[in-house]
């Protein structure tokens, strides 16, 4: 079995308590550390905290409610009862967060190793091993080493004690380059400033698939500015989900009293709020829970569009317009299910873009024309996307 030991010291207490309790994305640093060690294969989580703040105790209880084996202890004397001599131990120091490449490497590794960086002045916040290396606060060791440090004094650092035993046994050293450190291969989040800067860098490096010009140049830049603020509100995602449904209900009401432009305006706003609802938790550590917000919104949107067609078109063209609406919905679903196509992404139809087209058309008194334009737009995209697909398939076949 693999178990993880995460140090939650009191050395860096700055307003929010220990470094691990610093806010990060829509949670805190410890939640991200737990996510990391679980990705490395840890089946049991041990949090070592001399002070045991209330927020940490509540978090451990929440993990247990999710059927995650987690414990919190005060000192090393309790470590022995949580591990057997055949277990592997993943250790993370206070505020230390490894990137995915290190997670992936450690998940398939069984040889004892410590992660180090060159001994340079800009790494003076990391513990020095010798003249050549400093320790990055990450180690993969055998759990038997916990017995070697079980009787250390309470004021000794557990990470340093484990490091000492690892160095004495000359276990393998994994050197992380300066370039990788600059790319956040290992982050030391010990104060609010570093935590905020790390979150901002992660947002800046995000590549959202299937992103068209409206999303890339308007929607996403605005959301990037909003998200750090929204992360500070624990229930922001829930409220925005409710807001998207509320927008669709208002749109339905306005559609029933024949205000198509206002109805589509609220529907367009609701689609943007729904996108934000999904993206608030793009770095979340929450388990995947059923979320019915999107299906409910899309169902409401289909009803609103149907009502708009019934209320705005003439009886002579009603059948044709209803058919085009069904074609539009079907094509939009096919576009959504299609694979990411970098060459065509900039014109990829999505719900906000299609609703914007319909909103503009309704505002100009030409909803029926907008409906035909949106359906044709989706159809042209699907034809172009399939053409690229078959071209690549035929090219690959000719090379065989």
Protein backbone atom coordinates (compact mmCIF):
# COMPACT_ATOMS: atom_id res chain seq x y z
CA UNK A 1 0.00 0.00 0.00
CA UNK A 2 1.05 3.58 -0.59
CA UNK A 3 0.49 6.14 2.08
CA UNK A 4 1.14 9.87 1.99
CA UNK A 5 2.54 12.00 4.79
CA UNK A 6 1.89 15.73 4.37
CA UNK A 7 3.56 18.10 6.80
CA UNK A 8 1.41 21.01 8.00
CA UNK A 9 3.82 23.00 10.13
CA UNK A 10 3.20 26.26 11.98
CA UNK A 11 6.40 27.88 10.78
CA UNK A 12 4.74 30.01 8.09
CA UNK A 13 1.59 31.13 9.89
CA UNK A 14 0.42 34.29 8.12
CA UNK A 15 -3.17 35.31 8.74
CA UNK A 16 -4.66 32.11 7.30
CA UNK A 17 -2.74 29.81 9.66
CA UNK A 18 -0.29 27.19 8.35
CA UNK A 19 0.92 27.50 4.78
CA UNK A 20 -1.17 24.50 3.77
CA UNK A 21 -4.35 26.36 4.74
CA UNK A 22 -3.61 29.26 2.37
CA UNK A 23 -6.39 29.76 -0.19
CA UNK A 24 -5.62 28.35 -3.64
CA UNK A 25 -8.13 28.31 -6.50
CA UNK A 26 -11.52 27.42 -4.96
CA UNK A 27 -9.93 25.55 -2.04
CA UNK A 28 -6.58 25.66 -0.28
CA UNK A 29 -3.03 24.34 -0.67
CA UNK A 30 -3.60 21.18 1.38
CA UNK A 31 -6.52 20.17 -0.82
CA UNK A 32 -4.26 20.45 -3.86
CA UNK A 33 -1.54 18.45 -2.09
CA UNK A 34 -4.04 15.70 -1.28
CA UNK A 35 -5.15 15.65 -4.91
CA UNK A 36 -1.49 15.33 -5.96
CA UNK A 37 -0.66 12.40 -3.67
CA UNK A 38 -3.85 10.60 -4.64
CA UNK A 39 -2.77 10.95 -8.27
CA UNK A 40 0.53 9.34 -7.20
CA UNK A 41 -1.36 6.32 -5.90
CA UNK A 42 -1.65 7.12 -2.20
CA UNK A 43 -4.42 5.09 -0.60
CA UNK A 44 -4.08 6.61 2.86
CA UNK A 45 -3.49 10.28 3.73
CA UNK A 46 -1.76 11.32 6.96
CA UNK A 47 -1.63 15.01 7.83
CA UNK A 48 0.99 15.89 10.43
CA UNK A 49 0.07 19.09 12.26
CA UNK A 50 1.24 20.00 15.77
CA UNK A 51 -1.58 22.51 16.28
CA UNK A 52 -4.54 20.85 14.50
CA UNK A 53 -6.52 23.96 13.45
CA UNK A 54 -10.29 23.55 13.27
CA UNK A 55 -10.41 24.02 9.48
CA UNK A 56 -7.95 21.14 9.06
CA UNK A 57 -10.00 18.84 11.29
CA UNK A 58 -13.12 19.68 9.29
CA UNK A 59 -11.30 18.92 6.04
CA UNK A 60 -10.19 15.49 7.30
CA UNK A 61 -13.77 14.73 8.33
CA UNK A 62 -14.92 15.74 4.83
CA UNK A 63 -12.37 13.35 3.29
CA UNK A 64 -13.67 10.52 5.45
CA UNK A 65 -17.23 11.26 4.35
CA UNK A 66 -15.98 10.78 0.77
CA UNK A 67 -14.62 7.35 1.81
CA UNK A 68 -11.01 8.55 1.62
CA UNK A 69 -8.77 7.02 4.27
CA UNK A 70 -7.36 10.09 6.05
CA UNK A 71 -5.96 10.81 9.50
CA UNK A 72 -4.47 13.81 11.30
CA UNK A 73 -1.77 13.38 13.95
CA UNK A 74 0.25 15.69 16.15
CA UNK A 75 3.66 14.02 16.25
CA UNK A 76 5.75 11.15 14.91
CA UNK A 77 4.97 8.84 17.83
CA UNK A 78 1.63 8.00 16.20
CA UNK A 79 3.04 7.28 12.75
CA UNK A 80 3.90 3.64 13.38
CA UNK A 81 0.30 2.52 13.85
CA UNK A 82 -0.67 3.86 10.41
CA UNK A 83 1.98 2.09 8.30
CA UNK A 84 3.45 -1.36 7.80
CA UNK A 85 7.01 -2.17 6.79
CA UNK A 86 5.94 -3.08 3.23
CA UNK A 87 4.28 0.26 2.54
CA UNK A 88 5.66 3.03 0.34
CA UNK A 89 5.67 6.53 1.78
CA UNK A 90 5.14 9.71 -0.24
CA UNK A 91 6.21 12.79 1.69
CA UNK A 92 5.32 16.41 0.89
CA UNK A 93 6.66 19.28 2.93
CA UNK A 94 4.63 22.23 4.16
CA UNK A 95 3.23 24.15 1.18
CA UNK A 96 5.09 21.99 -1.38
CA UNK A 97 3.06 21.28 -4.53
CA UNK A 98 4.48 19.15 -7.37
CA UNK A 99 3.30 19.54 -10.97
CA UNK A 100 1.68 16.75 -12.98
CA UNK A 101 4.90 15.44 -14.62
CA UNK A 102 6.32 14.70 -11.16
CA UNK A 103 3.01 13.18 -10.07
CA UNK A 104 3.07 10.88 -13.10
CA UNK A 105 6.68 9.87 -12.51
CA UNK A 106 6.19 9.10 -8.84
CA UNK A 107 2.98 7.18 -9.50
CA UNK A 108 4.97 4.53 -11.37
CA UNK A 109 8.14 4.65 -9.28
CA UNK A 110 9.08 2.23 -6.51
CA UNK A 111 12.73 3.09 -5.85
CA UNK A 112 13.40 5.38 -2.90
CA UNK A 113 14.22 8.87 -4.11
CA UNK A 114 14.28 12.49 -3.09
CA UNK A 115 13.69 15.47 -5.38
CA UNK A 116 16.46 18.06 -5.36
CA UNK A 117 17.54 21.25 -7.08
CA UNK A 118 21.00 22.78 -7.48
CA UNK A 119 22.44 24.60 -4.49
CA UNK A 120 21.96 28.22 -5.57
CA UNK A 121 21.17 31.40 -3.64
CA UNK A 122 17.71 31.75 -5.25
CA UNK A 123 16.72 28.43 -3.68
CA UNK A 124 17.70 29.36 -0.13
CA UNK A 125 14.15 28.68 1.12
CA UNK A 126 14.77 24.96 0.48
CA UNK A 127 16.82 22.84 2.87
CA UNK A 128 20.42 22.33 1.83
CA UNK A 129 21.71 18.76 1.63
CA UNK A 130 25.33 19.40 0.69
CA UNK A 131 27.40 21.71 -1.49
CA UNK A 132 25.62 20.48 -4.63
CA UNK A 133 21.93 20.12 -3.83
CA UNK A 134 18.95 21.44 -1.91
CA UNK A 135 15.92 19.29 -1.09
CA UNK A 136 12.59 20.29 -2.66
CA UNK A 137 10.45 18.76 0.09
CA UNK A 138 9.34 15.74 -1.97
CA UNK A 139 10.39 12.16 -1.24
CA UNK A 140 9.39 8.60 -2.00
CA UNK A 141 10.64 6.34 0.80
CA UNK A 142 9.91 3.02 2.42
CA UNK A 143 7.57 3.30 5.38
CA UNK A 144 10.13 1.54 7.57
CA UNK A 145 11.94 4.88 7.78
CA UNK A 146 9.12 6.17 9.95
CA UNK A 147 10.35 3.86 12.68
CA UNK A 148 13.79 5.48 12.48
CA UNK A 149 12.34 8.90 13.32
CA UNK A 150 9.56 7.86 15.72
CA UNK A 151 11.45 9.11 18.79
CA UNK A 152 12.70 12.46 17.51
CA UNK A 153 12.04 15.47 19.79
CA UNK A 154 8.79 17.34 19.20
CA UNK A 155 10.59 20.48 18.03
CA UNK A 156 12.43 18.62 15.23
CA UNK A 157 11.17 18.90 11.67
CA UNK A 158 9.83 15.58 10.36
CA UNK A 159 10.88 16.33 6.80
CA UNK A 160 14.45 17.05 7.86
CA UNK A 161 14.57 13.86 9.89
CA UNK A 162 13.32 11.77 6.94
CA UNK A 163 15.75 13.55 4.64
CA UNK A 164 18.64 12.73 6.96
CA UNK A 165 17.87 9.01 6.87
CA UNK A 166 17.46 9.09 3.08
CA UNK A 167 20.77 10.90 2.55
CA UNK A 168 22.62 8.59 4.92
CA UNK A 169 21.38 5.59 2.94
CA UNK A 170 22.41 7.32 -0.31
CA UNK A 171 19.00 6.93 -1.90
CA UNK A 172 18.45 8.14 -5.45
CA UNK A 173 18.29 11.88 -6.15
CA UNK A 174 15.97 13.25 -8.83
CA UNK A 175 17.38 16.59 -10.03
CA UNK A 176 14.81 19.18 -11.13
CA UNK A 177 16.29 21.71 -13.54
CA UNK A 178 16.15 25.48 -13.09
CA UNK A 179 13.98 25.71 -16.19
CA UNK A 180 11.47 23.25 -14.75
CA UNK A 181 11.39 25.10 -11.44
CA UNK A 182 10.58 28.31 -13.33
CA UNK A 183 7.73 26.38 -14.98
CA UNK A 184 6.28 25.43 -11.57
CA UNK A 185 7.46 21.82 -11.62
CA UNK A 186 7.68 22.25 -7.84
CA UNK A 187 6.02 25.19 -6.09
CA UNK A 188 6.64 26.30 -2.53
CA UNK A 189 3.44 28.06 -1.48
CA UNK A 190 4.26 29.38 1.96
CA UNK A 191 2.58 32.78 1.85
CA UNK A 192 -0.48 34.42 0.28
CA UNK A 193 1.60 36.32 -2.29
CA UNK A 194 3.14 33.15 -3.72
CA UNK A 195 -0.19 31.36 -3.69
CA UNK A 196 -1.90 34.15 -5.64
CA UNK A 197 0.97 34.39 -8.12
CA UNK A 198 0.89 30.62 -8.69
CA UNK A 199 -2.87 30.67 -9.31
CA UNK A 200 -2.46 33.55 -11.76
CA UNK A 201 0.27 31.69 -13.67
CA UNK A 202 -1.88 28.58 -13.88
CA UNK A 203 -4.77 30.62 -15.26
CA UNK A 204 -2.44 32.24 -17.79
CA UNK A 205 -1.23 28.83 -18.99
CA UNK A 206 -4.70 27.36 -19.44
CA UNK A 207 -5.59 26.19 -22.93
CA UNK A 208 -9.31 25.68 -23.28
CA UNK A 209 -10.20 23.21 -26.05
CA UNK A 210 -12.89 23.94 -28.63
CA UNK A 211 -12.56 27.70 -28.08
CA UNK A 212 -13.95 30.01 -30.76
CA UNK A 213 -13.14 33.69 -31.38
CA UNK A 214 -15.91 34.98 -29.06
CA UNK A 215 -14.67 32.84 -26.17
CA UNK A 216 -10.98 33.45 -26.84
CA UNK A 217 -11.06 37.23 -27.20
CA UNK A 218 -14.06 38.31 -25.13
CA UNK A 219 -15.51 35.71 -22.76
CA UNK A 220 -12.36 34.01 -21.44
CA UNK A 221 -10.34 37.24 -20.80
CA UNK A 222 -13.24 38.59 -18.72
CA UNK A 223 -13.60 35.31 -16.83
CA UNK A 224 -9.86 35.22 -16.09
CA UNK A 225 -10.24 38.51 -14.25
CA UNK A 226 -13.34 37.39 -12.39
CA UNK A 227 -12.26 33.92 -11.30
CA UNK A 228 -9.61 34.89 -8.68
CA UNK A 229 -12.29 37.01 -7.00
CA UNK A 230 -14.92 34.28 -7.21
CA UNK A 231 -12.54 31.69 -5.75
CA UNK A 232 -12.70 33.63 -2.49
CA UNK A 233 -16.42 32.83 -2.22
CA UNK A 234 -16.81 29.10 -1.38
CA UNK A 235 -20.32 28.87 -2.85
CA UNK A 236 -19.67 30.90 -6.01
CA UNK A 237 -20.05 27.89 -8.31
CA UNK A 238 -23.41 26.95 -6.78
CA UNK A 239 -24.72 30.52 -7.02
CA UNK A 240 -23.69 30.89 -10.66
CA UNK A 241 -25.34 27.59 -11.49
CA UNK A 242 -28.54 28.86 -9.92
CA UNK A 243 -28.13 32.16 -11.78
CA UNK A 244 -27.94 30.42 -15.15
CA UNK A 245 -31.18 28.56 -14.43
CA UNK A 246 -32.79 31.81 -13.22
CA UNK A 247 -31.81 33.54 -16.48
CA UNK A 248 -33.46 30.76 -18.48
CA UNK A 249 -36.66 31.04 -16.39
CA UNK A 250 -36.76 34.80 -16.95
CA UNK A 251 -36.16 34.20 -20.65
CA UNK A 252 -39.11 31.79 -20.69
CA UNK A 253 -41.37 34.37 -19.06
CA UNK A 254 -40.33 37.11 -21.47
CA UNK A 255 -40.81 34.73 -24.40
CA UNK A 256 -44.37 34.01 -23.31
CA UNK A 257 -45.24 37.72 -23.40
CA UNK A 258 -43.69 38.12 -26.85
CA UNK A 259 -40.48 40.01 -26.06
CA UNK A 260 -38.14 37.87 -28.18
CA UNK A 261 -35.08 40.15 -28.05
CA UNK A 262 -35.23 40.50 -24.24
CA UNK A 263 -35.92 36.78 -23.89
CA UNK A 264 -32.90 35.85 -26.01
CA UNK A 265 -30.82 38.45 -24.19
CA UNK A 266 -31.40 36.69 -20.86
CA UNK A 267 -30.84 33.32 -22.49
CA UNK A 268 -27.49 34.54 -23.87
CA UNK A 269 -26.55 35.90 -20.44
CA UNK A 270 -27.50 32.57 -18.87
CA UNK A 271 -25.25 30.69 -21.32
CA UNK A 272 -22.29 32.88 -20.31
CA UNK A 273 -23.05 32.35 -16.62
CA UNK A 274 -23.22 28.60 -17.26
CA UNK A 275 -19.77 28.66 -18.85
CA UNK A 276 -18.44 30.51 -15.80
CA UNK A 277 -20.18 28.00 -13.53
CA UNK A 278 -18.23 25.21 -15.24
CA UNK A 279 -14.89 27.02 -15.24
CA UNK A 280 -14.82 28.23 -11.65
CA UNK A 281 -13.78 24.75 -10.57
CA UNK A 282 -11.34 23.95 -13.40
CA UNK A 283 -8.61 23.42 -10.76
CA UNK A 284 -10.97 22.10 -8.11
CA UNK A 285 -10.14 19.07 -5.97
CA UNK A 286 -13.79 18.13 -5.54
CA UNK A 287 -14.87 14.66 -6.56
CA UNK A 288 -16.91 14.54 -9.74
CA UNK A 289 -20.46 14.99 -8.57
CA UNK A 290 -23.58 14.89 -10.76
CA UNK A 291 -24.32 18.40 -11.98
CA UNK A 292 -27.74 18.88 -13.56
CA UNK A 293 -27.30 22.60 -14.18
CA UNK A 294 -26.25 22.31 -17.83
CA UNK A 295 -28.95 19.77 -18.87
CA UNK A 296 -31.65 21.87 -17.20
CA UNK A 297 -30.41 25.06 -18.87
CA UNK A 298 -30.22 23.45 -22.32
CA UNK A 299 -33.73 22.04 -21.92
CA UNK A 300 -35.03 25.47 -20.93
CA UNK A 301 -33.18 27.05 -23.85
CA UNK A 302 -34.82 24.63 -26.30
CA UNK A 303 -38.24 25.48 -24.84
CA UNK A 304 -37.57 29.23 -25.05
CA UNK A 305 -36.42 28.96 -28.67
CA UNK A 306 -39.49 26.89 -29.56
CA UNK A 307 -41.79 29.47 -27.97
CA UNK A 308 -39.94 32.26 -29.79
CA UNK A 309 -40.48 30.50 -33.12
CA UNK A 310 -44.18 29.94 -32.35
CA UNK A 311 -44.71 33.56 -31.33
CA UNK A 312 -42.68 35.37 -34.00
CA UNK A 313 -43.07 33.53 -37.31
CA UNK A 314 -46.10 33.38 -39.58
CA UNK A 315 -48.31 30.33 -39.81
CA UNK A 316 -47.21 29.85 -43.43
CA UNK A 317 -43.57 29.29 -42.44
CA UNK A 318 -44.16 27.71 -39.03
CA UNK A 319 -43.44 24.12 -40.09
CA UNK A 320 -40.27 25.15 -41.94
CA UNK A 321 -38.98 27.23 -39.03
CA UNK A 322 -39.67 24.49 -36.48
CA UNK A 323 -37.80 22.06 -38.74
CA UNK A 324 -34.85 24.46 -38.96
CA UNK A 325 -34.85 24.86 -35.17
CA UNK A 326 -34.67 21.08 -34.73
CA UNK A 327 -31.90 20.95 -37.33
CA UNK A 328 -30.03 23.71 -35.47
CA UNK A 329 -30.28 21.90 -32.12
CA UNK A 330 -29.16 18.62 -33.68
CA UNK A 331 -26.24 20.21 -35.51
CA UNK A 332 -25.17 22.08 -32.38
CA UNK A 333 -25.13 18.78 -30.48
CA UNK A 334 -22.98 17.19 -33.20
CA UNK A 335 -20.58 20.14 -33.06
CA UNK A 336 -20.36 19.78 -29.28
CA UNK A 337 -19.58 16.06 -29.60
CA UNK A 338 -17.01 16.55 -32.38
CA UNK A 339 -13.31 16.28 -31.58
CA UNK A 340 -11.11 19.30 -30.98
CA UNK A 341 -10.04 20.75 -34.35
CA UNK A 342 -7.37 23.43 -33.90
CA UNK A 343 -7.66 24.65 -37.47
CA UNK A 344 -11.40 25.30 -37.23
CA UNK A 345 -11.80 26.10 -33.54
CA UNK A 346 -11.86 29.86 -34.10
CA UNK A 347 -15.24 29.55 -35.90
CA UNK A 348 -16.57 26.62 -33.89
CA UNK A 349 -20.25 27.17 -33.03
CA UNK A 350 -21.15 26.89 -29.36
CA UNK A 351 -24.23 27.81 -27.35
CA UNK A 352 -23.23 31.42 -26.48
CA UNK A 353 -22.21 32.18 -30.07
CA UNK A 354 -25.41 30.72 -31.57
CA UNK A 355 -27.56 32.57 -29.02
CA UNK A 356 -25.70 35.80 -29.83
CA UNK A 357 -26.54 35.36 -33.53
CA UNK A 358 -30.20 34.77 -32.68
CA UNK A 359 -30.22 37.74 -30.26
CA UNK A 360 -28.86 40.13 -32.89
CA UNK A 361 -31.36 38.84 -35.45
CA UNK A 362 -34.28 39.21 -33.02
CA UNK A 363 -33.18 42.75 -32.09
CA UNK A 364 -33.24 43.62 -35.80
CA UNK A 365 -36.68 42.07 -36.23
CA UNK A 366 -35.37 39.19 -38.34
CA UNK A 367 -35.41 36.22 -35.96
CA UNK A 368 -36.35 33.77 -38.72
CA UNK A 369 -33.35 34.87 -40.79
CA UNK A 370 -31.10 34.48 -37.74
CA UNK A 371 -32.44 30.97 -37.20
CA UNK A 372 -31.60 29.96 -40.77
CA UNK A 373 -28.17 31.63 -40.52
CA UNK A 374 -27.30 29.82 -37.27
CA UNK A 375 -28.40 26.43 -38.64
CA UNK A 376 -26.43 26.97 -41.86
CA UNK A 377 -23.40 28.09 -39.83
CA UNK A 378 -23.42 24.83 -37.83
CA UNK A 379 -23.92 22.76 -40.98
CA UNK A 380 -21.03 24.44 -42.81
CA UNK A 381 -18.77 23.88 -39.81
CA UNK A 382 -19.67 20.19 -39.62
CA UNK A 383 -19.00 19.74 -43.34
CA UNK A 384 -15.62 21.50 -43.03
CA UNK A 385 -14.71 19.47 -39.95
CA UNK A 386 -15.61 16.18 -41.63
CA UNK A 387 -13.68 17.20 -44.76
CA UNK A 388 -10.53 17.75 -42.70
CA UNK A 389 -11.11 14.43 -40.93
CA UNK A 390 -11.49 12.42 -44.14
CA UNK A 391 -8.52 14.23 -45.71
CA UNK A 392 -6.29 13.21 -42.79
CA UNK A 393 -7.65 9.66 -42.92
CA UNK A 394 -7.01 9.31 -46.64
CA UNK A 395 -3.54 10.79 -46.22
CA UNK A 396 -2.70 8.27 -43.51
CA UNK A 397 -4.07 5.42 -45.64
CA UNK A 398 -1.96 6.44 -48.66
CA UNK A 399 1.20 6.36 -46.55
CA UNK A 400 0.62 2.74 -45.53
